[in-house]
Protein backbone atom coordinates (compact mmCIF):
# COMPACT_ATOMS: atom_id res chain seq x y z
CA MET A 1 13.36 13.84 22.38
CA PRO A 2 13.68 13.79 18.58
CA ASP A 3 12.15 10.30 18.44
CA SER A 4 8.97 11.30 20.32
CA ALA A 5 7.24 12.14 17.02
CA ILE A 6 8.25 8.73 15.64
CA GLN A 7 6.94 6.99 18.77
CA ARG A 8 3.65 8.87 18.42
CA LEU A 9 3.35 7.82 14.77
CA LEU A 10 4.02 4.16 15.56
CA GLU A 11 1.60 4.13 18.51
CA PHE A 12 -1.08 5.81 16.40
CA ASP A 13 -0.61 3.29 13.59
CA GLU A 14 -0.83 0.39 16.06
CA GLN A 15 -4.01 1.79 17.60
CA VAL A 16 -5.60 2.24 14.18
CA ARG A 17 -4.88 -1.39 13.37
CA ARG A 18 -6.48 -2.51 16.64
CA ASP A 19 -9.54 -0.34 15.94
CA ARG A 20 -10.25 -2.39 12.81
CA ASP A 21 -11.77 -5.03 15.10
CA GLN A 22 -14.32 -2.51 16.43
CA SER A 23 -17.58 -1.48 14.78
CA PRO A 24 -17.73 1.91 13.00
CA ALA A 25 -20.59 3.02 15.26
CA PHE A 26 -18.56 2.35 18.40
CA LEU A 27 -15.53 4.23 17.02
CA HIS A 28 -17.73 7.18 16.01
CA ARG A 29 -19.29 7.47 19.46
CA ARG A 30 -15.93 7.15 21.22
CA ASP A 31 -14.07 9.74 19.12
CA ARG A 32 -17.01 12.16 18.90
CA ARG A 33 -17.30 12.06 22.71
CA PHE A 34 -13.56 12.78 22.96
CA ALA A 35 -13.86 15.79 20.62
CA LEU A 36 -16.79 17.21 22.60
CA ASP A 37 -14.89 16.82 25.88
CA CYS A 38 -11.91 18.66 24.40
CA ARG A 39 -14.18 21.46 23.21
CA ASP A 40 -15.67 21.80 26.69
CA LYS A 41 -12.18 22.07 28.18
CA GLY A 42 -11.04 24.57 25.55
CA LEU A 43 -8.49 22.18 24.04
CA ALA A 44 -7.74 21.47 20.40
CA PRO A 45 -8.09 17.70 19.86
CA GLY A 46 -4.90 16.29 18.41
CA PRO A 47 -3.28 12.86 18.00
CA GLY A 48 -1.30 13.20 21.25
CA GLN A 49 -4.39 13.93 23.36
CA TRP A 50 -6.35 11.24 21.51
CA LEU A 51 -3.71 8.61 22.29
CA GLN A 52 -3.73 9.59 25.96
CA HIS A 53 -7.52 9.24 25.95
CA VAL A 54 -7.41 5.82 24.28
CA ARG A 55 -4.76 4.53 26.70
CA LYS A 56 -7.24 4.96 29.54
CA LEU A 57 -9.75 2.71 27.77
CA ARG A 58 -7.48 -0.28 27.26
CA PRO A 59 -5.00 -2.18 29.44
CA PRO A 60 -1.28 -1.68 28.80
CA MET A 61 -0.03 -3.88 26.02
CA PRO A 62 3.59 -5.04 26.25
CA SER A 63 5.35 -4.65 22.95
CA ASP A 64 8.87 -4.33 21.62
CA ASP A 65 10.19 -0.88 20.79
CA PRO A 66 10.91 -0.86 17.03
CA LEU A 67 13.39 2.00 17.51
CA ARG A 68 15.57 -0.10 19.82
CA ARG A 69 16.96 -1.91 16.79
CA TRP A 70 17.96 1.42 15.28
CA CYS A 71 19.70 2.46 18.52
CA HIS A 72 21.74 -0.74 18.41
CA LEU A 73 22.56 -0.18 14.74
CA THR A 74 23.66 3.41 15.41
CA ALA A 75 25.89 2.25 18.27
CA GLY A 76 27.43 -0.34 15.95
CA PHE A 77 28.17 2.30 13.32
CA ALA A 78 29.77 4.52 15.97
CA PHE A 79 32.02 1.72 17.17
CA VAL A 80 33.07 0.83 13.62
CA GLY A 81 33.73 4.52 12.93
CA LEU A 82 36.07 4.79 15.93
CA ILE A 83 38.11 1.78 14.87
CA THR A 84 38.33 2.70 11.18
CA GLY A 85 39.14 6.32 12.04
CA VAL A 86 42.20 5.30 14.00
CA MET A 87 43.32 2.82 11.33
CA ALA A 88 42.78 5.31 8.48
CA MET A 89 44.82 8.05 10.15
CA LEU A 90 47.61 5.61 11.01
CA GLY A 91 47.72 4.64 7.35
CA LEU A 92 47.74 8.23 6.11
CA LEU A 93 50.50 9.27 8.53
CA PHE A 94 52.69 6.21 8.12
CA TYR A 95 56.29 7.46 8.23
CA ASP A 96 59.44 5.33 8.36
CA GLY A 97 61.94 8.21 8.23
CA GLY A 98 62.93 7.71 4.61
CA GLN A 99 59.92 9.27 2.85
CA ARG A 100 57.50 12.16 3.21
CA ILE A 101 53.82 12.08 4.17
CA ASN A 102 52.19 13.27 0.97
CA LEU A 103 49.64 16.05 1.55
CA THR A 104 48.04 15.28 -1.82
CA VAL A 105 46.92 11.88 -0.53
CA ILE A 106 45.43 13.50 2.58
CA LEU A 107 43.58 16.05 0.42
CA ALA A 108 42.13 13.27 -1.74
CA PHE A 109 41.03 11.31 1.33
CA VAL A 110 39.34 14.38 2.84
CA LEU A 111 37.53 14.97 -0.46
CA LEU A 112 36.31 11.37 -0.36
CA GLN A 113 34.89 11.89 3.13
CA CYS A 114 33.03 15.00 1.97
CA LEU A 115 31.53 13.06 -0.95
CA LEU A 116 30.39 10.21 1.33
CA ALA A 117 28.75 12.65 3.74
CA ALA A 118 26.96 14.41 0.89
CA ILE A 119 25.75 11.13 -0.66
CA THR A 120 24.42 9.95 2.71
CA THR A 121 22.39 13.13 3.13
CA VAL A 122 21.10 13.06 -0.45
CA GLN A 123 19.86 9.48 -0.12
CA ALA A 124 18.02 10.39 3.08
CA PHE A 125 16.17 13.32 1.50
CA ALA A 126 15.53 11.39 -1.73
CA GLY A 127 14.17 8.36 0.14
CA TRP A 128 16.71 5.90 -1.26
CA GLN A 129 17.60 2.79 0.72
CA PRO A 130 21.02 1.54 -0.42
CA TRP A 131 21.42 -0.09 3.02
CA ARG A 132 18.36 -2.33 2.56
CA TRP A 133 20.52 -5.46 2.43
CA LEU A 134 22.07 -4.57 5.80
CA LEU A 135 18.66 -4.08 7.40
CA ARG A 136 17.42 -7.42 6.08
CA LYS A 137 20.51 -9.14 7.45
CA PHE A 138 20.18 -7.85 11.01
CA SER A 139 16.38 -7.69 11.20
CA THR A 140 14.20 -10.66 12.08
CA THR A 141 10.86 -8.89 11.60
CA THR A 142 9.34 -6.82 8.83
CA PRO A 143 9.06 -3.13 9.78
CA SER A 144 5.60 -1.65 9.99
CA ALA A 145 4.22 0.35 7.09
CA ALA A 146 4.41 3.53 9.18
CA LEU A 147 8.15 3.07 9.84
CA GLN A 148 9.22 2.21 6.31
CA PRO A 149 9.18 5.83 4.97
CA LEU A 150 11.45 6.86 7.87
CA GLN A 151 14.10 4.19 7.31
CA PRO A 152 16.29 6.27 4.91
CA MET A 153 16.47 9.09 7.49
CA LEU A 154 17.20 6.72 10.36
CA MET A 155 19.91 5.03 8.32
CA ALA A 156 21.45 8.42 7.47
CA ARG A 157 21.51 9.26 11.18
CA ALA A 158 23.36 6.03 11.93
CA ALA A 159 25.82 6.60 9.06
CA HIS A 160 26.54 10.21 10.09
CA THR A 161 27.11 9.04 13.67
CA GLY A 162 29.68 6.57 12.41
CA GLY A 163 31.25 9.26 10.18
CA LEU A 164 31.49 11.71 13.10
CA MET A 165 33.17 9.09 15.29
CA PHE A 166 35.50 8.34 12.37
CA GLY A 167 36.52 12.01 12.13
CA ILE A 168 37.01 12.46 15.89
CA ALA A 169 39.08 9.27 16.16
CA GLY A 170 41.20 10.36 13.21
CA LEU A 171 41.80 13.82 14.72
CA VAL A 172 42.82 12.40 18.09
CA THR A 173 45.16 9.94 16.38
CA LEU A 174 46.73 12.79 14.39
CA LEU A 175 47.38 14.86 17.54
CA VAL A 176 48.84 11.87 19.38
CA LEU A 177 51.21 11.07 16.51
CA VAL A 178 52.30 14.70 16.31
CA VAL A 179 53.31 14.53 19.97
CA ILE A 180 55.04 11.13 20.03
CA GLN A 181 56.61 11.16 16.52
CA ASP A 182 58.56 13.53 14.33
CA LEU A 183 56.32 13.60 11.26
CA ALA A 184 57.61 14.97 7.99
CA PHE A 185 54.96 16.35 5.62
CA GLY A 186 55.40 17.38 2.04
CA TRP A 187 53.57 17.37 -1.23
CA SER A 188 54.16 15.65 -4.52
CA THR A 189 52.29 14.78 -7.71
CA THR A 190 53.20 13.39 -11.10
CA LEU A 191 51.08 16.06 -12.79
CA ASP A 192 52.75 19.12 -14.26
CA THR A 193 51.64 21.38 -11.42
CA GLY A 194 53.62 24.33 -10.18
CA SER A 195 53.98 25.53 -6.62
CA ASP A 196 51.80 28.56 -7.30
CA SER A 197 48.82 26.46 -8.37
CA TYR A 198 49.21 24.17 -5.39
CA TYR A 199 49.52 27.14 -3.04
CA ASN A 200 46.34 28.70 -4.44
CA LEU A 201 44.48 25.43 -3.80
CA LEU A 202 45.71 25.25 -0.21
CA ALA A 203 44.94 28.91 0.42
CA PHE A 204 41.39 28.36 -0.82
CA LEU A 205 40.95 25.37 1.50
CA ALA A 206 42.42 27.28 4.45
CA ALA A 207 40.16 30.32 3.97
CA PRO A 208 37.66 29.28 6.72
CA TRP A 209 40.32 29.44 9.48
CA ASN A 210 42.53 32.15 7.98
CA ASN A 211 41.78 34.61 10.80
CA LEU A 212 41.10 32.01 13.50
CA TRP A 213 44.53 30.31 13.37
CA PRO A 214 47.02 32.02 11.01
CA ALA A 215 49.73 29.48 11.85
CA ALA A 216 47.59 26.77 10.23
CA VAL A 217 47.64 28.61 6.87
CA PRO A 218 50.68 27.59 4.76
CA ASP A 219 52.63 30.37 3.06
CA ARG A 220 54.07 30.31 -0.43
CA GLU A 221 57.64 29.73 0.79
CA LEU A 222 56.59 26.63 2.73
CA VAL A 223 54.83 25.19 -0.30
CA GLU A 224 57.84 25.77 -2.54
CA ALA A 225 60.32 24.38 -0.01
CA THR A 226 58.47 21.15 0.87
CA ARG A 227 57.83 19.77 -2.59
CA PHE A 228 59.61 16.46 -3.07
CA PHE A 229 60.16 13.96 -5.86
CA ARG A 230 60.71 10.24 -5.83
CA SER A 231 64.37 10.61 -6.68
CA ASP A 232 64.98 13.01 -3.78
CA SER A 233 66.45 11.79 -0.54
CA GLN A 234 66.77 14.42 2.17
CA GLY A 235 67.50 17.31 -0.18
CA THR A 236 68.58 20.74 1.03
CA THR A 237 65.29 21.73 2.70
CA ASP A 238 65.43 22.82 6.32
CA PRO A 239 64.19 19.76 8.31
CA SER A 240 62.05 21.96 10.56
CA LEU A 241 59.88 22.94 7.58
CA TRP A 242 58.62 19.38 7.08
CA GLY A 243 56.87 19.46 10.43
CA ARG A 244 55.18 22.86 10.02
CA TRP A 245 52.34 21.28 8.06
CA TRP A 246 50.58 19.57 10.97
CA PRO A 247 48.40 22.60 12.01
CA PHE A 248 47.12 22.82 8.44
CA VAL A 249 46.39 19.09 8.35
CA ALA A 250 44.58 19.25 11.71
CA MET A 251 42.40 22.21 10.67
CA LEU A 252 41.77 20.61 7.27
CA TRP A 253 40.51 17.47 9.02
CA VAL A 254 38.36 19.39 11.50
CA THR A 255 36.83 21.68 8.85
CA TYR A 256 36.12 19.21 6.08
CA VAL A 257 35.65 15.89 7.92
CA VAL A 258 34.46 16.51 11.50
CA LEU A 259 32.35 19.67 11.12
CA PRO A 260 30.33 18.52 8.05
CA ARG A 261 29.48 15.27 9.79
CA LEU A 262 28.49 17.15 12.94
CA VAL A 263 26.19 19.52 11.03
CA LEU A 264 24.68 16.74 8.92
CA LEU A 265 24.16 14.58 12.01
CA ALA A 266 22.18 17.42 13.60
CA VAL A 267 20.06 17.60 10.44
CA ALA A 268 19.64 13.81 10.41
CA ALA A 269 18.54 13.89 14.06
CA VAL A 270 15.76 16.40 13.34
CA HIS A 271 14.73 15.16 9.89
CA PRO A 272 13.01 11.88 11.00
CA GLY A 273 10.85 13.76 13.51
CA ILE A 274 9.72 16.25 10.87
CA ARG A 275 8.96 13.45 8.43
CA ALA A 276 7.10 11.49 11.15
CA ARG A 277 4.82 14.48 11.85
CA ARG A 278 4.08 14.79 8.15
CA GLU A 279 3.37 11.08 7.84
CA LEU A 280 1.04 11.29 10.84
CA THR A 281 -1.02 14.08 9.25
CA ARG A 282 -1.29 12.05 6.02
CA HIS A 283 -2.06 8.76 7.76
CA PRO A 284 -5.37 7.27 6.52
CA GLY A 285 -6.37 6.66 10.12
CA MET A 286 -5.87 10.35 10.95
CA ILE A 287 -8.22 11.38 8.15
CA ALA A 288 -10.87 8.96 9.43
CA LEU A 289 -10.33 10.12 13.02
CA GLN A 290 -10.83 13.77 12.10
CA TYR A 291 -14.03 12.87 10.26
CA ARG A 292 -15.39 11.00 13.28
CA MET A 293 -14.48 13.83 15.65
CA GLU A 294 -16.05 16.54 13.45
CA THR A 295 -19.20 14.67 12.40
CA PRO A 296 -22.09 14.64 14.93
CA ALA A 297 -23.54 11.29 15.89
CA LEU A 298 -26.87 10.46 14.27
CA GLU A 299 -29.90 11.27 16.48
CA THR A 300 -32.98 9.05 15.90
CA GLY A 301 -35.37 11.07 18.09
CA ASN A 302 -35.52 8.34 20.72
CA ARG A 303 -35.35 9.61 24.26
CA HIS A 304 -32.88 6.89 25.14
CA ASN A 305 -29.32 8.00 24.47
CA ASP A 306 -27.17 4.96 23.73
CA ALA A 307 -23.90 6.87 23.42
CA ALA A 308 -22.69 5.34 26.68
CA ASP A 309 -24.03 1.84 25.98
CA LEU A 310 -21.59 -0.94 25.28
CA PRO A 311 -22.25 -3.50 22.56
CA ASP A 312 -23.84 -6.76 23.62
CA THR A 313 -20.97 -9.08 24.45
CA ASN A 314 -22.98 -11.91 26.02
CA THR A 315 -22.22 -15.42 24.86
CA ARG A 316 -23.76 -18.83 25.31
CA GLY A 317 -20.40 -20.46 25.84
CA GLU A 318 -19.24 -21.61 29.25
CA LEU A 319 -15.84 -21.90 30.84
CA HIS A 320 -14.55 -25.39 31.59
CA GLN A 321 -12.35 -26.67 34.33
CA LEU A 322 -8.65 -26.74 33.49
CA PRO A 323 -8.00 -30.25 32.12
CA GLY A 324 -4.93 -32.30 32.76
CA GLY A 325 -2.97 -32.69 29.55
CA GLN A 326 0.32 -33.68 28.05
CA VAL A 327 1.22 -30.62 25.94
CA LEU A 328 1.21 -26.91 26.77
CA ILE A 329 1.66 -24.41 23.92
CA ARG A 330 2.40 -20.71 24.55
CA TRP A 331 0.80 -18.80 21.66
CA ALA A 332 2.46 -15.56 20.37
CA GLY A 333 4.63 -15.04 23.45
CA ALA A 334 1.89 -15.55 26.04
CA GLY A 335 3.18 -16.31 29.52
CA GLU A 336 6.57 -14.66 28.99
CA PRO A 337 8.93 -14.53 30.74
CA GLU A 338 7.58 -17.29 33.04
CA LEU A 339 4.35 -19.23 33.30
CA PRO A 340 2.50 -19.43 36.63
CA ASP A 341 3.00 -22.63 38.56
CA THR A 342 -0.74 -23.38 38.26
CA LEU A 343 -0.21 -23.87 34.54
CA SER A 344 3.32 -25.19 34.10
CA THR A 345 3.26 -27.82 36.86
CA GLY A 346 2.97 -31.33 35.50
CA TYR A 347 3.76 -30.51 31.88
CA GLN A 348 6.92 -31.91 30.34
CA ASN A 349 6.18 -30.63 26.84
CA ILE A 350 5.99 -26.81 27.01
CA LEU A 351 6.20 -25.46 23.47
CA ALA A 352 5.91 -22.04 21.80
CA ALA A 353 4.20 -21.14 18.52
CA GLY A 354 2.65 -18.18 16.71
CA GLY A 355 3.77 -14.57 16.83
CA ASN A 356 7.04 -14.05 14.95
CA ALA A 357 7.51 -17.80 14.38
CA SER A 358 7.42 -19.08 10.82
CA LEU A 359 4.80 -21.42 9.38
CA GLU A 360 7.37 -24.22 9.26
CA HIS A 361 8.05 -23.74 12.97
CA ASP A 362 4.34 -23.96 13.83
CA ASN A 363 3.98 -27.13 11.76
CA GLY A 364 6.94 -28.58 13.66
CA ILE A 365 5.24 -27.78 16.98
CA ILE A 366 2.11 -29.63 15.81
CA GLU A 367 4.25 -32.66 14.94
CA GLN A 368 5.99 -32.59 18.35
CA ALA A 369 2.62 -32.52 20.09
CA ARG A 370 1.35 -35.44 17.98
CA ASN A 371 4.42 -37.47 18.98
CA ALA A 372 3.74 -36.64 22.64
CA PHE A 373 0.16 -37.90 22.26
CA ALA A 374 1.33 -41.17 20.71
CA GLY A 375 2.01 -42.83 24.07
CA THR A 376 -1.11 -41.53 25.80
CA PRO A 377 -3.53 -44.34 26.65
CA SER A 378 -6.44 -42.10 27.68
CA SER A 379 -8.01 -39.13 25.95
CA PRO A 380 -5.22 -36.65 25.08
CA ALA A 381 -5.48 -32.95 25.95
CA ALA A 382 -3.52 -29.85 24.97
CA LEU A 383 -3.47 -26.40 26.56
CA VAL A 384 -2.98 -23.33 24.35
CA VAL A 385 -2.07 -20.31 26.53
CA THR A 386 -3.00 -16.95 24.95
CA ARG A 387 -3.11 -13.29 25.93
CA SER A 388 -6.62 -12.46 27.05
CA TRP A 389 -6.51 -8.84 25.87
CA GLU A 390 -5.59 -9.78 22.31
CA PRO A 391 -8.56 -10.89 20.21
CA PRO A 392 -8.39 -14.29 18.51
CA THR A 393 -6.72 -14.04 15.13
CA GLY A 394 -7.06 -15.93 11.89
CA GLU A 395 -3.51 -17.21 12.38
CA LEU A 396 -4.58 -18.94 15.61
CA ALA A 397 -7.68 -20.36 13.90
CA ASP A 398 -5.52 -21.81 11.10
CA PHE A 399 -3.12 -23.29 13.65
CA LEU A 400 -5.94 -24.98 15.57
CA SER A 401 -7.50 -26.26 12.34
CA GLN A 402 -4.18 -27.77 11.24
CA ALA A 403 -3.66 -29.26 14.70
CA ARG A 404 -7.12 -30.81 14.67
CA LYS A 405 -6.29 -32.56 11.39
CA SER A 406 -2.97 -33.88 12.70
CA TRP A 407 -3.81 -34.79 16.32
CA PRO A 408 -6.10 -37.64 17.40
CA ALA A 409 -9.77 -36.92 16.82
CA ASN A 410 -10.63 -37.10 20.54
CA THR A 411 -7.98 -34.57 21.57
CA LEU A 412 -9.36 -31.90 23.92
CA ILE A 413 -7.94 -28.45 23.14
CA ALA A 414 -8.30 -25.94 25.99
CA LEU A 415 -7.69 -22.25 25.32
CA VAL A 416 -6.33 -20.54 28.47
CA PRO A 417 -6.45 -16.71 28.17
CA MET A 418 -4.01 -15.03 30.60
CA ALA A 419 -4.34 -11.46 31.90
CA ALA A 420 -1.57 -8.88 31.66
CA GLU A 421 -0.87 -9.55 35.33
CA PRO A 422 -0.38 -13.32 35.70
CA ASP A 423 -1.65 -13.33 39.28
CA GLN A 424 -4.92 -11.62 38.30
CA PRO A 425 -7.90 -13.22 36.51
CA PRO A 426 -8.82 -11.91 33.04
CA PRO A 427 -11.74 -9.45 32.84
CA VAL A 428 -15.09 -10.92 31.91
CA HIS A 429 -15.38 -9.05 28.61
CA GLN A 430 -12.02 -10.46 27.52
CA LEU A 431 -13.02 -14.00 28.41
CA ASN A 432 -16.26 -13.57 26.47
CA GLN A 433 -14.43 -12.89 23.22
CA TRP A 434 -12.60 -16.22 23.58
CA LEU A 435 -15.83 -18.00 24.43
CA ARG A 436 -17.42 -16.57 21.28
CA PHE A 437 -14.39 -17.68 19.28
CA ALA A 438 -14.68 -21.25 20.56
CA ASP A 439 -18.44 -21.25 19.97
CA ARG A 440 -18.08 -20.02 16.36
CA SER A 441 -15.50 -22.69 15.58
CA GLY A 442 -18.17 -25.42 15.80
CA ASP A 443 -15.64 -27.78 17.44
CA SER A 444 -17.11 -29.47 20.51
CA ARG A 445 -13.62 -30.49 21.67
CA LEU A 446 -12.40 -26.87 21.70
CA VAL A 447 -13.09 -25.25 25.10
CA VAL A 448 -11.97 -22.22 27.10
CA SER A 449 -10.53 -22.63 30.60
CA ALA A 450 -9.24 -20.37 33.36
CA PRO A 451 -6.56 -21.70 35.76
CA ASP A 452 -7.67 -19.69 38.81
CA MET A 453 -11.32 -20.76 38.92
CA ALA A 454 -12.80 -23.53 41.07
CA SER A 455 -16.24 -22.72 39.66
CA PRO A 456 -15.68 -20.74 36.44
CA GLN A 457 -19.26 -20.11 35.42
CA ALA A 458 -20.22 -18.99 38.89
CA ARG A 459 -17.52 -16.33 38.80
CA ILE A 460 -18.74 -15.00 35.47
CA ASP A 461 -22.33 -14.92 36.73
CA ARG A 462 -21.27 -12.96 39.79
CA ALA A 463 -19.21 -10.55 37.72
CA LEU A 464 -22.09 -9.96 35.31
CA GLN A 465 -24.43 -9.30 38.22
CA ASP A 466 -21.97 -6.75 39.63
CA GLU A 467 -21.78 -4.98 36.28
CA HIS A 468 -25.57 -4.74 36.02
CA LYS A 469 -25.74 -3.28 39.51
């Protein structure tokens, strides 16, 4: 697939951003171990093999495909091209029986299509983005930094797809009208142009199919006989000559409208993949990865080799029983598409915040929760459901800090990390990062809970004992 290189670039960029939360020593040991394993197997370590290796070390992370938006945009351009192609050809071949279809207008329109195709290709190679306003209108999220250099090429691919559909629809419309109507073609211009000059122009344009379809090449007699003026009515020209132009018009359309778009679309389909491979080799994370893979780990002379040791993730925090509350907030899409019954039962105020939501939206959620707490006689409580595999972010910390200022002072806030599989409990090391987050906040009313635990701390103790064994 042409987009496989783009997918690899986006996945690599996402993994590099996640690695920022890890220590340099851990990353060095991990990537150096990967390079040594590849050397033992006789393989050349590359980004594709490295991504496969990293996928085994982390759980699958659901995420939206950023190229899906471009597929929808390309399909929209193709549909618009089909409709406009039919309408444009109907307008060019409009014939009411009292006038001729002017070939000069068709030639000018074909030239315009060639110019548009050339401009689209030039903007892709030059990196221009004249369609930026269209992307902003139909996009709800900001594209990643890795995808931004590829946007001119992806837009050119969508535009060429629409142009190709425009040309095919116009050609089919032309052939249908030739069959069901008696079209009369001719040529006319107000310029002082003789038949010889016009014939030389047409012969030059017809040179590509001169040997392929001789009947589609107009001769000098046809050019001289089918010139018309505004004051002419039917004239003395043989009526059969007016219809002999359609093979030339069909080949003109195929050669200078359909074929250029087809060739340029093939180039536009390959160009983003080539650019993505180049961007991957120049990615700052790739340079750091190659350094870590090529540089040996530092040996201290100690007999103990800590290459396989994990960092100390123990925490003094403890899990709490799931409290009964009035408000449940799904943070950054956690719990989609449906929350487990153990969480959603009993809650009338189930809200969503974080992720792609704006700051104004999050402030509105805080206000809705405060209004829900207004009629609570006892100590209010709020559940914030998160994804256990995603580390706590500064955005979540700011949200909780703002909520603490707005909600009653005795409000209990319970963070509920959910695993990728809703029916499975989160791993211990993922729960520990949320316990450390709650402990560092210094808020005694901020706790971490798990919905599937009758005795939460006992389960962690048993899991830790199993790991030590």
